[in-house]
Protein backbone atom coordinates (compact mmCIF):
# COMPACT_ATOMS: atom_id res chain seq x y z
CA MET A 1 -75.17 102.25 -15.57
CA LYS A 2 -77.46 104.93 -15.81
CA LEU A 3 -79.03 106.21 -12.34
CA SER A 4 -82.24 106.66 -11.81
CA PRO A 5 -83.87 110.22 -11.30
CA VAL A 6 -84.68 109.44 -7.88
CA THR A 7 -81.27 108.05 -7.18
CA LEU A 8 -79.83 110.89 -8.61
CA LYS A 9 -81.71 113.34 -6.25
CA LYS A 10 -80.66 111.28 -3.28
CA VAL A 11 -77.16 111.66 -4.46
CA LYS A 12 -77.53 115.57 -4.82
CA ARG A 13 -79.33 115.51 -1.47
CA PHE A 14 -76.13 113.78 0.24
CA LYS A 15 -73.70 116.52 -1.71
CA SER A 16 -75.42 119.32 0.07
CA ILE A 17 -74.90 117.99 3.45
CA LYS A 18 -71.29 119.20 3.81
CA ARG A 19 -70.21 117.93 6.58
CA GLY A 20 -71.11 114.43 5.63
CA TYR A 21 -70.02 114.65 1.97
CA TYR A 22 -66.36 116.02 2.74
CA SER A 23 -66.23 113.36 5.89
CA MET A 24 -66.68 110.83 3.05
CA ILE A 25 -63.72 112.15 0.69
CA ILE A 26 -61.40 112.48 3.78
CA LEU A 27 -62.80 108.87 4.82
CA VAL A 28 -61.68 107.64 1.09
CA LEU A 29 -58.43 109.17 0.93
CA MET A 30 -57.60 108.05 4.26
CA ILE A 31 -58.35 104.49 2.58
CA LEU A 32 -56.28 105.07 -0.13
CA LEU A 33 -53.59 106.42 1.45
CA SER A 34 -53.37 103.10 4.02
CA LEU A 35 -53.61 101.04 0.88
CA PHE A 36 -50.26 102.39 -0.08
CA ALA A 37 -49.21 103.10 3.08
CA GLU A 38 -45.59 100.86 1.89
CA VAL A 39 -44.78 103.93 -0.04
CA LEU A 40 -44.99 106.57 2.55
CA ILE A 41 -44.23 104.25 5.91
CA ASN A 42 -41.34 101.10 5.29
CA LYS A 43 -38.00 100.51 6.11
CA ARG A 44 -37.58 99.16 2.70
CA ALA A 45 -36.05 102.17 0.15
CA LEU A 46 -38.47 103.74 -2.35
CA VAL A 47 -35.48 103.60 -4.60
CA VAL A 48 -31.84 102.47 -4.73
CA PHE A 49 -29.33 103.64 -7.27
CA TYR A 50 -26.38 101.67 -7.01
CA GLU A 51 -23.21 101.43 -9.82
CA GLY A 52 -25.61 102.57 -12.39
CA ARG A 53 -28.77 100.48 -11.91
CA TYR A 54 -31.89 100.96 -9.99
CA TYR A 55 -33.31 99.07 -7.55
CA PHE A 56 -37.28 98.93 -6.00
CA PRO A 57 -37.21 97.25 -3.19
CA VAL A 58 -40.66 98.36 -1.56
CA TYR A 59 -43.02 96.02 -3.50
CA GLY A 60 -39.72 93.53 -4.79
CA GLN A 61 -38.34 90.44 -3.30
CA MET A 62 -35.76 90.58 -0.21
CA ILE A 63 -32.88 92.35 -1.56
CA PRO A 64 -29.27 91.06 0.75
CA GLY A 65 -26.59 93.74 2.00
CA THR A 66 -24.16 91.77 -0.47
CA THR A 67 -25.98 93.37 -3.35
CA PHE A 68 -24.51 96.49 -2.46
CA ASP A 69 -21.35 95.31 -1.19
CA LEU A 70 -22.30 95.13 2.73
CA ASP A 71 -21.07 92.15 4.68
CA TYR A 72 -23.73 90.41 5.44
CA GLY A 73 -26.32 88.44 3.51
CA TYR A 74 -29.83 89.25 5.46
CA GLU A 75 -32.25 92.08 4.38
CA THR A 76 -30.46 95.30 3.65
CA ASN A 77 -30.69 97.97 6.17
CA TYR A 78 -31.83 100.82 3.88
CA ARG A 79 -31.17 103.80 6.34
CA GLN A 80 -27.91 102.52 7.08
CA LEU A 81 -26.82 102.15 3.70
CA ASP A 82 -28.68 105.65 2.82
CA ARG A 83 -25.93 107.21 5.36
CA GLY A 84 -22.83 105.15 3.72
CA PHE A 85 -23.71 106.59 0.63
CA GLU A 86 -23.97 109.95 1.69
CA THR A 87 -21.15 109.70 3.11
CA GLU A 88 -19.14 108.30 0.30
CA LYS A 89 -20.34 110.70 -2.15
CA ASN A 90 -19.70 108.10 -5.41
CA GLY A 91 -22.91 108.68 -7.22
CA ASN A 92 -25.05 106.38 -5.34
CA TRP A 93 -28.08 107.27 -3.21
CA VAL A 94 -31.14 105.95 -1.74
CA LEU A 95 -34.50 107.12 -2.00
CA MET A 96 -36.54 106.18 1.44
CA PRO A 97 -40.42 106.73 2.42
CA ILE A 98 -41.33 109.84 4.22
CA VAL A 99 -40.99 107.25 7.64
CA PRO A 100 -38.35 104.89 7.00
CA TYR A 101 -40.00 102.24 9.67
CA ASP A 102 -42.30 99.97 9.44
CA ALA A 103 -45.05 98.84 11.96
CA TYR A 104 -43.14 95.67 13.15
CA GLU A 105 -39.15 97.10 13.72
CA ASN A 106 -37.98 97.81 16.98
CA ASP A 107 -35.53 101.11 16.68
CA LEU A 108 -34.02 100.65 19.97
CA ARG A 109 -31.18 102.98 21.06
CA ASP A 110 -27.55 102.28 23.50
CA ASP A 111 -28.66 103.62 27.41
CA GLU A 112 -31.86 104.79 27.00
CA TYR A 113 -35.07 102.99 27.47
CA PRO A 114 -38.55 103.18 25.08
CA PRO A 115 -41.00 104.47 24.78
CA PHE A 116 -39.12 107.55 22.67
CA PRO A 117 -40.63 110.85 22.65
CA PRO A 118 -41.81 112.63 18.96
CA SER A 119 -38.88 113.74 16.98
CA ILE A 120 -38.17 115.25 13.77
CA LYS A 121 -34.54 114.39 13.54
CA ASP A 122 -35.10 110.65 14.33
CA LYS A 123 -38.22 110.61 12.06
CA HIS A 124 -40.42 109.06 14.85
CA TYR A 125 -42.76 112.06 14.13
CA LEU A 126 -45.39 110.45 16.59
CA GLY A 127 -43.10 108.87 18.76
CA THR A 128 -42.34 105.15 19.54
CA ASP A 129 -44.30 102.79 22.13
CA THR A 130 -42.85 100.92 24.70
CA VAL A 131 -40.66 98.56 22.81
CA GLY A 132 -39.12 101.20 20.23
CA ARG A 133 -42.15 100.86 16.91
CA ASP A 134 -42.89 103.93 15.15
CA ILE A 135 -46.21 104.84 16.47
CA LEU A 136 -47.27 106.44 13.10
CA ALA A 137 -46.55 103.22 11.15
CA ARG A 138 -48.67 101.22 14.10
CA LEU A 139 -51.43 104.03 13.63
CA VAL A 140 -51.62 103.81 9.68
CA TYR A 141 -51.27 100.17 9.46
CA GLY A 142 -53.84 99.56 12.08
CA PHE A 143 -56.13 101.74 10.42
CA ARG A 144 -56.05 99.81 7.33
CA ILE A 145 -56.46 96.04 9.53
CA ALA A 146 -59.43 98.06 11.07
CA ILE A 147 -61.07 99.57 8.51
CA PHE A 148 -61.19 96.04 6.07
CA PHE A 149 -61.88 93.99 9.22
CA SER A 150 -65.24 96.26 9.55
CA LEU A 151 -66.00 96.69 5.77
CA THR A 152 -65.41 92.46 5.58
CA LEU A 153 -67.61 92.35 8.96
CA LEU A 154 -70.21 94.19 7.41
CA PHE A 155 -70.55 92.25 3.92
CA VAL A 156 -70.62 88.93 6.11
CA ASN A 157 -73.30 90.28 8.23
CA TYR A 158 -75.25 92.14 5.51
CA LEU A 159 -75.26 88.35 3.29
CA ILE A 160 -76.54 86.70 6.16
CA GLY A 161 -78.95 88.86 7.46
CA ILE A 162 -80.33 90.45 4.75
CA SER A 163 -81.28 86.74 3.32
CA ILE A 164 -82.59 85.79 6.18
CA GLY A 165 -84.45 88.70 7.63
CA SER A 166 -86.14 88.82 3.81
CA ALA A 167 -87.04 85.17 4.17
CA MET A 168 -88.62 85.42 6.95
CA GLY A 169 -90.59 88.39 6.37
CA PHE A 170 -91.48 86.89 3.11
CA TRP A 171 -92.80 83.40 4.06
CA GLY A 172 -93.68 84.48 7.55
CA GLY A 173 -95.54 81.75 9.56
CA LYS A 174 -94.02 78.79 10.89
CA PHE A 175 -90.85 79.80 9.39
CA ASP A 176 -90.93 83.28 10.56
CA LEU A 177 -91.48 82.01 14.21
CA PHE A 178 -88.61 79.12 13.84
CA PHE A 179 -86.24 81.76 13.15
CA GLN A 180 -87.25 84.14 15.80
CA ARG A 181 -86.86 81.47 18.27
CA ILE A 182 -83.49 81.03 16.94
CA ILE A 183 -82.63 84.97 17.04
CA GLU A 184 -83.67 85.33 20.90
CA ILE A 185 -81.55 82.34 21.89
CA TRP A 186 -78.70 83.82 19.78
CA SER A 187 -79.26 87.02 21.27
CA ASN A 188 -78.56 85.93 24.88
CA VAL A 189 -75.45 84.15 24.08
CA PRO A 190 -72.94 86.25 25.62
CA PHE A 191 -70.54 87.25 23.23
CA LEU A 192 -67.36 88.54 25.33
CA TYR A 193 -67.23 84.90 27.31
CA ILE A 194 -67.38 83.29 23.77
CA ILE A 195 -64.31 85.46 22.43
CA ILE A 196 -62.57 84.48 25.87
CA ILE A 197 -63.37 81.18 25.54
CA VAL A 198 -61.89 80.92 22.55
CA SER A 199 -58.80 82.72 22.50
CA SER A 200 -57.49 80.69 25.51
CA ILE A 201 -58.33 77.72 23.22
CA VAL A 202 -56.50 79.33 20.18
CA VAL A 203 -54.84 82.29 19.06
CA PRO A 204 -57.40 84.58 17.26
CA ASN A 205 -56.45 85.38 14.08
CA PHE A 206 -58.22 88.04 11.38
CA LEU A 207 -60.41 85.35 9.97
CA MET A 208 -61.13 83.80 13.28
CA LEU A 209 -62.17 87.24 14.68
CA ILE A 210 -64.32 87.82 11.60
CA LEU A 211 -66.43 84.73 11.88
CA ILE A 212 -66.92 85.12 15.81
CA MET A 213 -68.30 88.51 15.43
CA ALA A 214 -70.18 87.69 12.44
CA PHE A 215 -71.93 84.37 14.19
CA PHE A 216 -73.52 87.24 16.52
CA GLY A 217 -73.42 90.38 14.14
CA TRP A 218 -76.21 89.73 11.93
CA VAL A 219 -79.09 89.86 14.23
CA GLY A 220 -79.64 93.12 14.02
CA ILE A 221 -80.12 93.71 10.18
CA THR A 222 -82.05 90.25 10.54
CA TRP A 223 -84.85 92.11 12.54
CA THR A 224 -84.78 95.06 10.35
CA MET A 225 -84.93 93.27 7.24
CA ARG A 226 -87.79 91.21 8.45
CA ALA A 227 -90.17 93.88 9.51
CA VAL A 228 -89.30 96.01 6.00
CA THR A 229 -89.76 92.81 4.04
CA TYR A 230 -93.56 92.68 5.61
CA LYS A 231 -94.35 95.69 4.35
CA GLU A 232 -93.11 95.93 1.11
CA LYS A 233 -94.45 92.49 -0.12
CA ALA A 234 -98.16 93.82 0.24
CA ARG A 235 -97.26 96.44 -2.22
CA ASP A 236 -98.77 96.20 -5.78
CA TYR A 237 -95.22 95.62 -7.35
CA VAL A 238 -94.79 92.27 -5.52
CA LEU A 239 -98.57 91.62 -6.39
CA ALA A 240 -97.96 92.36 -10.21
CA ALA A 241 -94.51 89.96 -10.03
CA ARG A 242 -96.57 86.95 -8.72
CA ALA A 243 -99.15 87.26 -11.43
CA MET A 244 -96.33 87.42 -13.77
CA GLY A 245 -95.31 84.05 -12.49
CA ALA A 246 -92.06 85.17 -11.15
CA SER A 247 -90.20 83.09 -8.56
CA ASN A 248 -90.20 83.73 -4.58
CA PHE A 249 -85.86 84.21 -5.14
CA ARG A 250 -86.77 86.60 -7.98
CA ILE A 251 -89.19 88.59 -5.91
CA ILE A 252 -87.31 88.73 -2.97
CA PHE A 253 -83.83 89.46 -4.27
CA ARG A 254 -85.14 91.35 -7.67
CA HIS A 255 -87.57 93.35 -6.34
CA ILE A 256 -88.28 93.58 -2.59
CA ILE A 257 -84.40 93.86 -1.32
CA PRO A 258 -83.17 96.38 -4.25
CA ASN A 259 -86.63 98.54 -2.83
CA THR A 260 -84.91 98.61 0.50
CA ILE A 261 -81.83 99.61 -0.36
CA SER A 262 -82.18 102.79 1.28
CA ILE A 263 -82.52 100.67 4.67
CA ILE A 264 -79.57 99.08 3.96
CA ILE A 265 -77.19 102.03 3.02
CA THR A 266 -78.30 103.94 5.89
CA PHE A 267 -77.11 101.11 8.19
CA ALA A 268 -73.97 100.75 7.00
CA PRO A 269 -71.57 103.54 8.08
CA PHE A 270 -73.15 102.93 11.77
CA SER A 271 -72.00 99.42 10.91
CA VAL A 272 -68.56 99.89 10.13
CA SER A 273 -68.13 102.39 13.13
CA GLY A 274 -69.38 99.28 15.34
CA GLY A 275 -66.38 96.95 14.04
CA ILE A 276 -63.74 99.16 14.21
CA VAL A 277 -64.93 99.82 17.69
CA SER A 278 -65.27 96.32 18.47
CA LEU A 279 -62.22 95.11 17.00
CA THR A 280 -60.19 98.12 19.20
CA SER A 281 -61.91 97.11 22.49
CA LEU A 282 -61.07 93.11 22.13
CA ASP A 283 -57.32 94.30 20.87
CA TYR A 284 -57.41 96.71 23.95
CA LEU A 285 -58.63 93.65 26.52
CA GLY A 286 -56.00 91.36 24.98
CA PHE A 287 -58.33 88.93 23.17
CA GLY A 288 -58.27 90.46 19.46
CA LEU A 289 -55.45 90.12 17.01
CA PRO A 290 -52.45 88.37 17.95
CA PRO A 291 -49.07 90.41 18.76
CA PRO A 292 -47.31 92.20 17.09
CA THR A 293 -50.44 93.04 14.67
CA PRO A 294 -50.61 96.90 14.16
CA SER A 295 -53.87 97.70 16.65
CA TRP A 296 -55.10 100.48 17.93
CA GLY A 297 -56.41 99.04 20.78
CA GLU A 298 -53.08 97.27 21.64
CA LEU A 299 -51.55 100.88 21.42
CA LEU A 300 -54.34 102.23 24.01
CA GLN A 301 -53.43 99.60 26.28
CA GLN A 302 -49.82 100.78 26.13
CA GLY A 303 -50.94 104.42 26.87
CA TRP A 304 -53.25 103.62 29.64
CA ALA A 305 -50.14 101.82 31.44
CA ASN A 306 -47.53 104.44 30.63
CA MET A 307 -49.45 107.59 31.36
CA HIS A 308 -45.99 109.50 31.37
CA ALA A 309 -45.72 108.40 27.59
CA TRP A 310 -48.68 111.01 26.69
CA TRP A 311 -48.16 110.81 23.23
CA ILE A 312 -49.09 107.18 22.57
CA VAL A 313 -52.37 107.97 24.25
CA ALA A 314 -52.64 111.41 22.35
CA SER A 315 -52.19 109.49 19.05
CA VAL A 316 -54.33 106.66 19.08
CA VAL A 317 -57.35 108.74 20.70
CA ILE A 318 -57.03 111.51 18.25
CA ALA A 319 -56.47 108.61 15.34
CA MET A 320 -59.88 107.70 16.82
CA VAL A 321 -61.94 110.21 17.02
CA VAL A 322 -61.02 111.60 13.65
CA THR A 323 -61.92 107.98 11.79
CA LEU A 324 -65.08 107.51 13.99
CA ILE A 325 -66.58 111.12 13.79
CA THR A 326 -65.84 110.90 9.67
CA VAL A 327 -67.72 107.55 9.74
CA THR A 328 -70.80 108.84 11.97
CA PHE A 329 -70.99 112.15 9.70
CA ILE A 330 -71.43 110.06 6.70
CA GLY A 331 -73.95 107.69 8.66
CA GLU A 332 -75.78 110.85 9.23
CA ALA A 333 -75.71 112.47 5.91
CA VAL A 334 -76.79 108.92 4.03
CA ARG A 335 -79.73 108.79 6.44
CA GLU A 336 -80.81 112.06 6.05
CA ALA A 337 -80.49 111.52 1.92
CA TYR A 338 -82.46 109.00 2.01
CA ASP A 339 -85.26 109.92 4.00
CA PRO A 340 -88.34 110.97 2.23
CA LYS A 341 -89.58 113.18 4.74
CA LEU A 342 -86.52 115.54 4.75
CA HIS A 343 -87.43 116.51 8.30
CA THR A 344 -83.61 117.58 9.54
CA THR A 345 -81.68 120.72 8.20
CA TYR A 346 -77.99 120.67 7.94
CA GLU A 347 -76.10 123.75 7.74
């Protein structure tokens, strides 16, 4: 698909805003790393060489200990297997990930109680939480859940809000007034109370939280699209499309919405940031994803309850600050790139 000169000019403008452009690169790398987190952070080995045969446990089936002549039939403890091979020195070997723990595993010790401080020797590079789970593993897997939660929520909110907002602005009249009253009622429903009520009845999961938050989250983009559509429908290209016999559906989705793409793109990064903060806040209050799901909010709650374990609070706060700053910088750069006035100068 060939991009128009106007779009290419906006892309060039975005690249010229260095902090936004580099923030986008950092965020994309963070997402890619989280997608392949199992290769970097996992209690399963990447490769096992045993008796002349290779095994790849990470993305394969569970391999019982009996496969490696161990005396149990449940999943192999690969860290223990690695130590055994090193002791035996018989040519067998195990290649473990950089962090040989997953986000759910409790690494407990005799005569000691978690949380344990950061340790390079134990490969808990950011320490453990209050039940002995690796913090770095829970941060990375928690980021993956949070970012895809936000992107999914963004898609659902935009799908509903853009459709209804465009229809309100295009048809106006009684249709517009009807949805205005609905939105006014919707806006007065206390979102947090609904979450508390639902959480007291059923244990919320990923999909349920998406639906509940989308139930209220579509209102903001709806008002914006309504106002923009009112302006766009009076332009010459819409009148020309009407004169050529184009249907209302075609005018809205093939003409008006593509010409409001700058508004849609500008709001997207800030919506993603809002989704991450909302999920983290709900998890912190105990109304979000059920334990033991990796969660920044749950880690933050542990940190505030155990201030002596400074590494818990420090890790999650730094992770949140880095993520939110990169998303915010991307949003500012996108807004600047799509601003026809170009009234702001970025260094």
